[in-house]
Amino acid sequence: MTVTAIPLSARVQRIKPSPSMVARMRAQELRAQGRDIIDLTTGEPDFDTPLHIQQAATAAMAAGETRYSPVNGTLRLRKAIAAKFERENGVSYPLDQIVVGSGAKQIIFNALAATLGEGDEVIVPAPYWVSYPDMVLACDGTPVIVACGENSGFKLTPEAFEAAITPKTRWLLLNTPSNPTGAFYSAAEMTALTEVLLRHPHVALMTDDIYEHIRFDGGEPVCPVAIAPGLRERTLLVNGVSKTYAMTGFRIGYGAGPKPLVTAMNVIQSQTTSAAAAPSMAAAAAALEGDQSFVGEARLAYRARRDRAVALLNAIDGITCLTPDGAFYVYPSCAGLIGRRTAEGHELKSDLDVAVYFLEEAGVAMLDGSAYGLSPYLRLSIATSLDAIEEACARMKRASDALQRS
């Protein structure tokens, strides 16, 4: 009997697995083989979810909130989100302009699926979160990658933004603070970008603000809609509870935007995943409504880790590291290691080679900058203990010192 393989769509063949998940799986494989691996690949807080948030989920289940919920989110959660936007971002949205999904990633995907046609372009500043270009491709769009180097603080300049716009541009997708660099757009920088948007009325703005509260300058959140109210009808604000409240497993993201877009996103979600999990939405509402002391405590811990990681990385010959503004990553340049040789004589020709070398030789798992669209860099998560950061950097230094110059 002839076995015929199920043909795969062109869509799925355009995209690739998440590099961060691939790297994490490789680290897990080496651990299973008995290797001592320090995993700095995953962007996940190492803190426990605050107790009052856990208790809210448990209470919801005890109260029978275990059945189907409204696709656009429970009334309580949407009210909490609306209050959050007004309190923290200075913008007011009615409840029918708020959307809830199973993570901020789903919110972004649904927005792209609701708006992109074949050949429509999305401007993605690089370095970028690894999923952005592939989500655009999965929705039949074309990612337009704009390199943003160290000379601009890894941030998109108004000049580079305007130069990338074409008649086919549909979105600018902006992540601030950024994964992987931690770069944050100040009010002045955001104002300059909104001025470009105002000159190009066919371009919409999507801001991924998932790291909004992990900023180290003590400043207030910067919201483009508050800065330029004229952009309200073509801006989608995306956020979630995963990073701020250590709730990655709860899978709750949310957004606020123009009603026609939000309605279309809800239609797509109704035919895919339906509503997010009811107990998770109760927990997310409790997170937004309740005591916020955890947010400040976690931010202080991340800042201490950032400061230590940057100092230790800059002490490694061949590595230089800028100090990130926020998030919980560092993005050091490994340009000084390119061209060096291992003890076996293998030349390190790329940042991927360097990342593999540190994994195999030092037992430190990280991601290469090429996965984020800008080389030669390494991306390390510092959402781990100071002890783990210090040990990882010590291992990297020993491995770097063992390399031979060409």
Protein backbone atom coordinates (compact mmCIF):
# COMPACT_ATOMS: atom_id res chain seq x y z
CA MET A 1 0.00 0.00 0.00
CA THR A 2 1.31 3.42 -0.96
CA VAL A 3 1.46 5.92 1.88
CA THR A 4 0.88 9.49 0.71
CA ALA A 5 2.12 12.27 2.92
CA ILE A 6 -0.32 15.02 3.79
CA PRO A 7 0.82 18.06 1.78
CA LEU A 8 1.85 21.05 3.84
CA SER A 9 0.68 24.56 3.08
CA ALA A 10 2.96 27.21 1.63
CA ARG A 11 2.18 29.23 4.75
CA VAL A 12 3.75 26.81 7.20
CA GLN A 13 6.75 26.29 4.93
CA ARG A 14 7.45 30.04 5.02
CA ILE A 15 7.96 30.10 8.77
CA LYS A 16 10.44 28.43 11.12
CA PRO A 17 10.30 27.18 14.70
CA SER A 18 11.01 29.72 17.43
CA PRO A 19 14.81 29.89 17.89
CA SER A 20 14.40 30.39 21.63
CA MET A 21 12.41 27.19 21.94
CA VAL A 22 14.98 25.31 19.84
CA ALA A 23 17.81 26.60 22.03
CA ARG A 24 15.94 25.69 25.20
CA MET A 25 15.29 22.17 23.92
CA ARG A 26 19.00 21.74 23.14
CA ALA A 27 19.88 22.84 26.67
CA GLN A 28 17.37 20.34 28.06
CA GLU A 29 18.87 17.57 25.91
CA LEU A 30 22.35 18.26 27.27
CA ARG A 31 21.02 18.27 30.82
CA ALA A 32 19.38 14.91 30.17
CA GLN A 33 22.82 13.65 29.15
CA GLY A 34 24.18 14.71 32.54
CA ARG A 35 25.73 18.04 31.53
CA ASP A 36 25.63 20.97 33.96
CA ILE A 37 23.94 23.65 31.84
CA ILE A 38 23.06 27.21 32.84
CA ASP A 39 20.10 28.11 30.64
CA LEU A 40 19.95 31.81 29.74
CA THR A 41 17.66 31.38 26.75
CA THR A 42 14.15 31.84 28.08
CA GLY A 43 12.45 35.14 28.83
CA GLU A 44 10.51 33.98 31.84
CA PRO A 45 10.55 35.52 35.34
CA ASP A 46 12.04 33.16 37.91
CA PHE A 47 9.80 34.55 40.67
CA ASP A 48 6.66 32.83 41.91
CA THR A 49 3.36 34.39 40.90
CA PRO A 50 2.24 36.64 43.81
CA LEU A 51 0.06 34.75 46.25
CA HIS A 52 -3.03 36.94 45.91
CA ILE A 53 -3.05 36.28 42.16
CA GLN A 54 -2.76 32.52 42.68
CA GLN A 55 -5.59 32.68 45.21
CA ALA A 56 -7.79 34.56 42.73
CA ALA A 57 -7.48 31.71 40.24
CA THR A 58 -8.28 29.14 42.93
CA ALA A 59 -11.26 31.16 44.16
CA ALA A 60 -12.59 31.47 40.61
CA MET A 61 -12.49 27.71 40.15
CA ALA A 62 -14.17 27.16 43.52
CA ALA A 63 -16.91 29.57 42.46
CA GLY A 64 -17.58 27.58 39.29
CA GLU A 65 -15.74 29.81 36.82
CA THR A 66 -14.58 26.82 34.79
CA ARG A 67 -16.85 27.09 31.77
CA TYR A 68 -16.84 28.99 28.49
CA SER A 69 -16.32 32.73 28.83
CA PRO A 70 -16.98 35.59 26.39
CA VAL A 71 -14.53 35.51 23.48
CA ASN A 72 -13.54 39.13 24.12
CA GLY A 73 -12.81 38.46 27.81
CA THR A 74 -14.82 38.62 31.01
CA LEU A 75 -16.45 41.90 31.97
CA ARG A 76 -14.36 42.10 35.14
CA LEU A 77 -11.08 41.69 33.28
CA ARG A 78 -11.96 44.19 30.56
CA LYS A 79 -12.91 46.72 33.24
CA ALA A 80 -9.58 46.12 34.99
CA ILE A 81 -7.72 46.59 31.70
CA ALA A 82 -9.60 49.79 30.91
CA ALA A 83 -8.78 51.11 34.39
CA LYS A 84 -5.11 50.17 33.90
CA PHE A 85 -4.87 52.09 30.62
CA GLU A 86 -6.49 55.16 32.16
CA ARG A 87 -4.44 55.02 35.37
CA GLU A 88 -1.03 54.21 33.91
CA ASN A 89 -1.11 55.31 30.28
CA GLY A 90 -3.41 58.32 30.32
CA VAL A 91 -5.79 56.94 27.69
CA SER A 92 -9.43 55.92 27.97
CA TYR A 93 -11.00 53.04 26.03
CA PRO A 94 -14.60 51.76 26.15
CA LEU A 95 -14.97 48.07 26.93
CA ASP A 96 -15.86 47.15 23.34
CA GLN A 97 -12.44 48.41 22.24
CA ILE A 98 -10.55 46.05 24.53
CA VAL A 99 -9.58 42.55 23.44
CA VAL A 100 -8.33 39.63 25.54
CA GLY A 101 -6.44 36.59 24.27
CA SER A 102 -4.26 33.68 25.32
CA GLY A 103 -1.09 35.75 25.59
CA ALA A 104 0.10 38.95 23.95
CA LYS A 105 1.46 36.79 21.12
CA GLN A 106 -2.07 35.80 20.15
CA ILE A 107 -3.21 39.41 20.23
CA ILE A 108 -0.44 40.37 17.80
CA PHE A 109 -1.15 37.41 15.52
CA ASN A 110 -4.90 38.07 15.45
CA ALA A 111 -4.29 41.72 14.54
CA LEU A 112 -1.99 40.75 11.68
CA ALA A 113 -4.41 38.05 10.48
CA ALA A 114 -7.26 40.56 10.54
CA THR A 115 -5.44 43.21 8.50
CA LEU A 116 -2.81 41.74 6.17
CA GLY A 117 -3.23 40.60 2.61
CA GLU A 118 -0.66 39.08 0.28
CA GLY A 119 2.29 41.43 -0.12
CA ASP A 120 1.23 43.87 2.59
CA GLU A 121 4.29 45.09 4.46
CA VAL A 122 5.03 45.33 8.18
CA ILE A 123 8.04 47.36 9.30
CA VAL A 124 9.96 45.45 11.97
CA PRO A 125 12.95 47.18 13.59
CA ALA A 126 15.88 44.84 14.22
CA PRO A 127 16.89 43.49 16.64
CA TYR A 128 13.35 42.13 16.97
CA TRP A 129 11.57 39.49 18.99
CA VAL A 130 12.08 36.29 17.04
CA SER A 131 8.39 35.66 16.33
CA TYR A 132 7.51 38.97 14.66
CA PRO A 133 8.73 38.26 11.10
CA ASP A 134 7.34 34.73 11.09
CA MET A 135 3.93 35.88 12.32
CA VAL A 136 3.85 38.39 9.46
CA LEU A 137 4.80 35.66 6.99
CA ALA A 138 2.17 33.31 8.42
CA CYS A 139 -0.46 35.99 7.72
CA ASP A 140 0.66 36.36 4.07
CA GLY A 141 2.46 39.64 4.74
CA THR A 142 6.02 40.75 4.04
CA PRO A 143 8.26 41.74 6.97
CA VAL A 144 10.41 44.76 6.16
CA ILE A 145 13.41 44.55 8.47
CA VAL A 146 15.10 47.83 9.40
CA ALA A 147 18.47 47.36 11.09
CA CYS A 148 18.92 49.53 14.19
CA GLY A 149 22.50 49.30 15.41
CA GLU A 150 24.34 50.36 18.53
CA ASN A 151 24.87 53.86 17.11
CA SER A 152 21.12 54.47 17.50
CA GLY A 153 20.85 52.59 20.79
CA PHE A 154 19.21 49.69 18.94
CA LYS A 155 16.22 51.98 18.24
CA LEU A 156 14.39 52.99 15.09
CA THR A 157 15.08 56.55 14.03
CA PRO A 158 12.42 58.69 12.33
CA GLU A 159 14.63 58.90 9.23
CA ALA A 160 15.02 55.12 8.94
CA PHE A 161 11.31 54.64 9.58
CA GLU A 162 10.24 57.09 6.89
CA ALA A 163 12.69 55.59 4.38
CA ALA A 164 11.15 52.13 4.90
CA ILE A 165 7.55 53.21 4.23
CA THR A 166 6.03 52.24 0.88
CA PRO A 167 2.45 52.29 -0.46
CA LYS A 168 2.19 48.67 0.75
CA THR A 169 3.15 49.42 4.37
CA ARG A 170 0.34 48.49 6.77
CA TRP A 171 1.98 48.43 10.21
CA LEU A 172 4.95 49.54 12.25
CA LEU A 173 5.49 46.91 14.96
CA LEU A 174 7.30 48.46 17.91
CA ASN A 175 8.48 46.64 21.05
CA THR A 176 9.44 48.91 23.95
CA PRO A 177 11.27 48.04 26.15
CA SER A 178 12.66 45.59 23.67
CA ASN A 179 13.36 41.90 23.65
CA PRO A 180 16.31 41.35 23.03
CA THR A 181 18.08 44.66 23.68
CA GLY A 182 16.06 46.28 26.46
CA ALA A 183 15.97 49.50 24.41
CA PHE A 184 13.21 51.88 25.48
CA TYR A 185 11.71 54.74 23.44
CA SER A 186 11.55 57.96 25.44
CA ALA A 187 8.64 60.38 25.11
CA ALA A 188 10.72 62.53 22.75
CA GLU A 189 11.71 59.54 20.60
CA MET A 190 8.12 58.27 20.49
CA THR A 191 6.90 61.75 19.55
CA ALA A 192 9.31 61.83 16.61
CA LEU A 193 8.00 58.48 15.36
CA THR A 194 4.37 59.56 15.74
CA GLU A 195 5.11 62.62 13.62
CA VAL A 196 6.20 60.30 10.80
CA LEU A 197 3.02 58.25 11.25
CA LEU A 198 0.87 61.36 11.06
CA ARG A 199 2.41 62.12 7.66
CA HIS A 200 1.51 58.64 6.38
CA PRO A 201 -2.15 57.95 7.15
CA HIS A 202 -2.12 54.47 5.57
CA VAL A 203 0.36 53.16 8.19
CA ALA A 204 -0.88 51.80 11.52
CA LEU A 205 1.08 51.36 14.74
CA MET A 206 1.19 48.28 16.93
CA THR A 207 3.10 48.61 20.21
CA ASP A 208 4.11 45.50 22.13
CA ASP A 209 4.44 46.85 25.67
CA ILE A 210 4.77 43.51 27.48
CA TYR A 211 7.90 44.77 29.35
CA GLU A 212 6.34 48.16 30.08
CA HIS A 213 6.93 47.99 33.85
CA ILE A 214 10.45 46.58 33.67
CA ARG A 215 12.19 49.92 33.14
CA PHE A 216 15.19 51.07 35.11
CA ASP A 217 15.02 54.86 34.83
CA GLY A 218 12.07 55.32 37.14
CA GLY A 219 10.05 57.07 34.45
CA GLU A 220 6.39 56.78 33.54
CA PRO A 221 5.11 54.60 30.67
CA VAL A 222 5.18 56.25 27.25
CA CYS A 223 1.96 55.78 25.27
CA PRO A 224 1.80 56.94 21.63
CA VAL A 225 -1.96 57.49 21.79
CA ALA A 226 -1.52 59.86 24.74
CA ILE A 227 1.23 61.67 22.84
CA ALA A 228 -0.64 61.82 19.52
CA PRO A 229 -4.42 61.34 19.99
CA GLY A 230 -4.83 61.65 16.23
CA LEU A 231 -3.32 58.17 15.92
CA ARG A 232 -5.96 56.54 18.12
CA GLU A 233 -7.94 55.05 15.22
CA ARG A 234 -4.87 53.35 13.76
CA THR A 235 -3.02 52.22 16.86
CA LEU A 236 -3.24 48.91 18.68
CA LEU A 237 -1.75 48.86 22.18
CA VAL A 238 -0.68 45.33 23.13
CA ASN A 239 0.19 44.20 26.63
CA GLY A 240 -0.22 41.31 29.05
CA VAL A 241 0.41 40.05 32.55
CA SER A 242 3.10 37.45 31.81
CA LYS A 243 6.28 39.41 32.44
CA THR A 244 5.10 42.07 34.91
CA TYR A 245 3.44 39.66 37.35
CA ALA A 246 5.39 36.42 36.67
CA MET A 247 2.32 34.84 35.07
CA THR A 248 3.73 33.30 31.90
CA GLY A 249 1.78 30.06 32.36
CA PHE A 250 -1.55 31.82 32.79
CA ARG A 251 -1.48 32.88 29.11
CA ILE A 252 -3.32 36.20 29.26
CA GLY A 253 -2.61 39.05 26.88
CA TYR A 254 -4.74 42.03 26.01
CA GLY A 255 -4.99 44.98 23.68
CA ALA A 256 -6.86 48.22 23.08
CA GLY A 257 -7.58 49.68 19.67
CA PRO A 258 -10.18 50.92 17.20
CA LYS A 259 -13.51 49.11 17.37
CA PRO A 260 -13.52 47.72 13.79
CA LEU A 261 -10.11 46.11 14.36
CA VAL A 262 -11.02 44.73 17.78
CA THR A 263 -14.26 43.30 16.37
CA ALA A 264 -12.37 41.58 13.54
CA MET A 265 -9.81 40.18 15.99
CA ASN A 266 -12.61 38.74 18.09
CA VAL A 267 -14.11 37.08 15.00
CA ILE A 268 -10.78 35.40 14.26
CA GLN A 269 -10.37 34.29 17.86
CA SER A 270 -13.93 32.93 17.92
CA GLN A 271 -13.00 30.56 15.10
CA THR A 272 -9.62 29.49 16.53
CA THR A 273 -9.13 29.31 20.30
CA SER A 274 -12.33 30.97 21.56
CA ALA A 275 -11.96 32.65 24.95
CA ALA A 276 -8.93 32.53 27.22
CA ALA A 277 -9.22 30.26 30.28
CA ALA A 278 -11.70 31.63 32.83
CA PRO A 279 -9.54 31.05 35.95
CA SER A 280 -6.61 32.75 34.21
CA MET A 281 -8.75 35.78 33.42
CA ALA A 282 -9.81 36.00 37.08
CA ALA A 283 -6.14 35.89 38.08
CA ALA A 284 -5.23 38.58 35.53
CA ALA A 285 -8.00 40.83 36.83
CA ALA A 286 -6.68 40.39 40.37
CA ALA A 287 -3.17 41.24 39.16
CA LEU A 288 -4.29 44.51 37.57
CA GLU A 289 -6.66 45.48 40.39
CA GLY A 290 -4.59 44.49 43.40
CA ASP A 291 -1.41 45.27 45.29
CA GLN A 292 1.35 46.35 42.91
CA SER A 293 4.31 46.08 45.32
CA PHE A 294 5.61 42.95 43.58
CA VAL A 295 6.16 44.94 40.38
CA GLY A 296 8.60 47.34 42.03
CA GLU A 297 10.37 44.60 43.97
CA ALA A 298 10.92 42.52 40.83
CA ARG A 299 12.16 45.56 38.92
CA LEU A 300 14.80 46.25 41.58
CA ALA A 301 15.98 42.64 41.37
CA TYR A 302 16.18 42.79 37.56
CA ARG A 303 18.16 46.01 37.75
CA ALA A 304 20.71 44.48 40.12
CA ARG A 305 21.06 41.50 37.80
CA ARG A 306 21.42 43.74 34.77
CA ASP A 307 24.16 45.80 36.42
CA ARG A 308 26.10 42.71 37.45
CA ALA A 309 25.73 40.98 34.10
CA VAL A 310 26.85 44.05 32.13
CA ALA A 311 29.92 44.50 34.35
CA LEU A 312 30.95 40.85 34.11
CA LEU A 313 30.37 40.61 30.36
CA ASN A 314 32.42 43.72 29.69
CA ALA A 315 35.28 42.09 31.61
CA ILE A 316 35.42 39.25 29.06
CA ASP A 317 38.00 39.75 26.32
CA GLY A 318 36.21 39.94 22.96
CA ILE A 319 32.79 40.94 24.37
CA THR A 320 31.29 44.39 24.83
CA CYS A 321 27.86 45.08 26.27
CA LEU A 322 25.69 48.19 26.35
CA THR A 323 23.56 48.77 29.44
CA PRO A 324 19.91 48.04 28.58
CA ASP A 325 17.15 50.46 29.55
CA GLY A 326 14.68 47.77 30.56
CA ALA A 327 13.34 44.21 30.16
CA PHE A 328 15.45 41.34 31.51
CA TYR A 329 17.95 40.65 28.76
CA VAL A 330 21.43 41.72 27.77
CA TYR A 331 22.59 41.85 24.15
CA PRO A 332 26.40 41.90 24.12
CA SER A 333 28.48 42.18 20.97
CA CYS A 334 30.74 39.20 20.35
CA ALA A 335 32.50 40.81 17.38
CA GLY A 336 35.84 40.47 19.17
CA LEU A 337 35.50 36.68 19.22
CA ILE A 338 34.77 36.26 15.51
CA GLY A 339 37.82 34.79 13.79
CA ARG A 340 39.24 33.17 16.90
CA ARG A 341 39.82 29.41 17.00
CA THR A 342 38.91 26.70 19.46
CA ALA A 343 41.51 24.34 20.92
CA GLU A 344 40.55 21.88 18.16
CA GLY A 345 41.28 24.52 15.50
CA HIS A 346 37.70 25.36 14.56
CA GLU A 347 37.24 29.01 13.58
CA LEU A 348 34.31 30.95 15.05
CA LYS A 349 32.84 32.56 11.95
CA SER A 350 29.54 33.90 13.28
CA ASP A 351 27.62 34.72 16.42
CA LEU A 352 25.87 31.36 16.05
CA ASP A 353 29.28 29.67 16.22
CA VAL A 354 30.06 31.66 19.35
CA ALA A 355 26.74 30.72 21.00
CA VAL A 356 27.30 27.04 20.19
CA TYR A 357 30.87 27.25 21.52
CA PHE A 358 29.71 28.71 24.84
CA LEU A 359 27.06 25.99 25.11
CA GLU A 360 29.33 23.08 24.31
CA GLU A 361 32.51 24.35 25.99
CA ALA A 362 31.16 26.35 28.93
CA GLY A 363 27.75 24.84 29.51
CA VAL A 364 25.98 28.19 29.10
CA ALA A 365 22.95 28.27 26.81
CA MET A 366 22.15 31.53 25.01
CA LEU A 367 20.85 32.73 21.66
CA ASP A 368 22.74 34.19 18.72
CA GLY A 369 21.99 37.69 17.49
CA SER A 370 21.21 36.44 13.99
CA ALA A 371 18.00 34.93 15.39
CA TYR A 372 16.97 38.49 16.29
CA GLY A 373 18.00 40.02 12.99
CA LEU A 374 21.27 41.72 13.97
CA SER A 375 24.76 40.19 14.22
CA PRO A 376 27.26 39.65 15.73
CA TYR A 377 25.54 39.61 19.11
CA LEU A 378 24.44 37.23 21.83
CA ARG A 379 21.15 37.38 23.70
CA LEU A 380 21.16 36.27 27.33
CA SER A 381 18.18 36.29 29.68
CA ILE A 382 18.94 37.61 33.17
CA ALA A 383 15.63 36.43 34.60
CA THR A 384 17.61 34.16 36.88
CA SER A 385 19.58 34.42 40.10
CA LEU A 386 22.68 36.54 40.61
CA ASP A 387 24.58 33.36 41.45
CA ALA A 388 23.63 31.83 38.10
CA ILE A 389 24.61 35.02 36.26
CA GLU A 390 27.99 35.17 37.99
CA GLU A 391 28.72 31.50 37.34
CA ALA A 392 27.63 31.78 33.69
CA CYS A 393 29.88 34.78 33.09
CA ALA A 394 32.81 33.09 34.84
CA ARG A 395 32.41 30.07 32.57
CA MET A 396 32.18 32.30 29.51
CA LYS A 397 35.34 34.13 30.51
CA ARG A 398 37.29 30.89 30.90
CA ALA A 399 36.01 29.64 27.55
CA SER A 400 36.84 32.96 25.88
CA ASP A 401 40.36 32.98 27.33
CA ALA A 402 40.88 29.47 25.91
CA LEU A 403 40.31 30.65 22.34
CA GLN A 404 43.27 31.19 20.07
CA ARG A 405 43.71 34.31 17.98
CA SER A 406 44.20 33.79 14.27
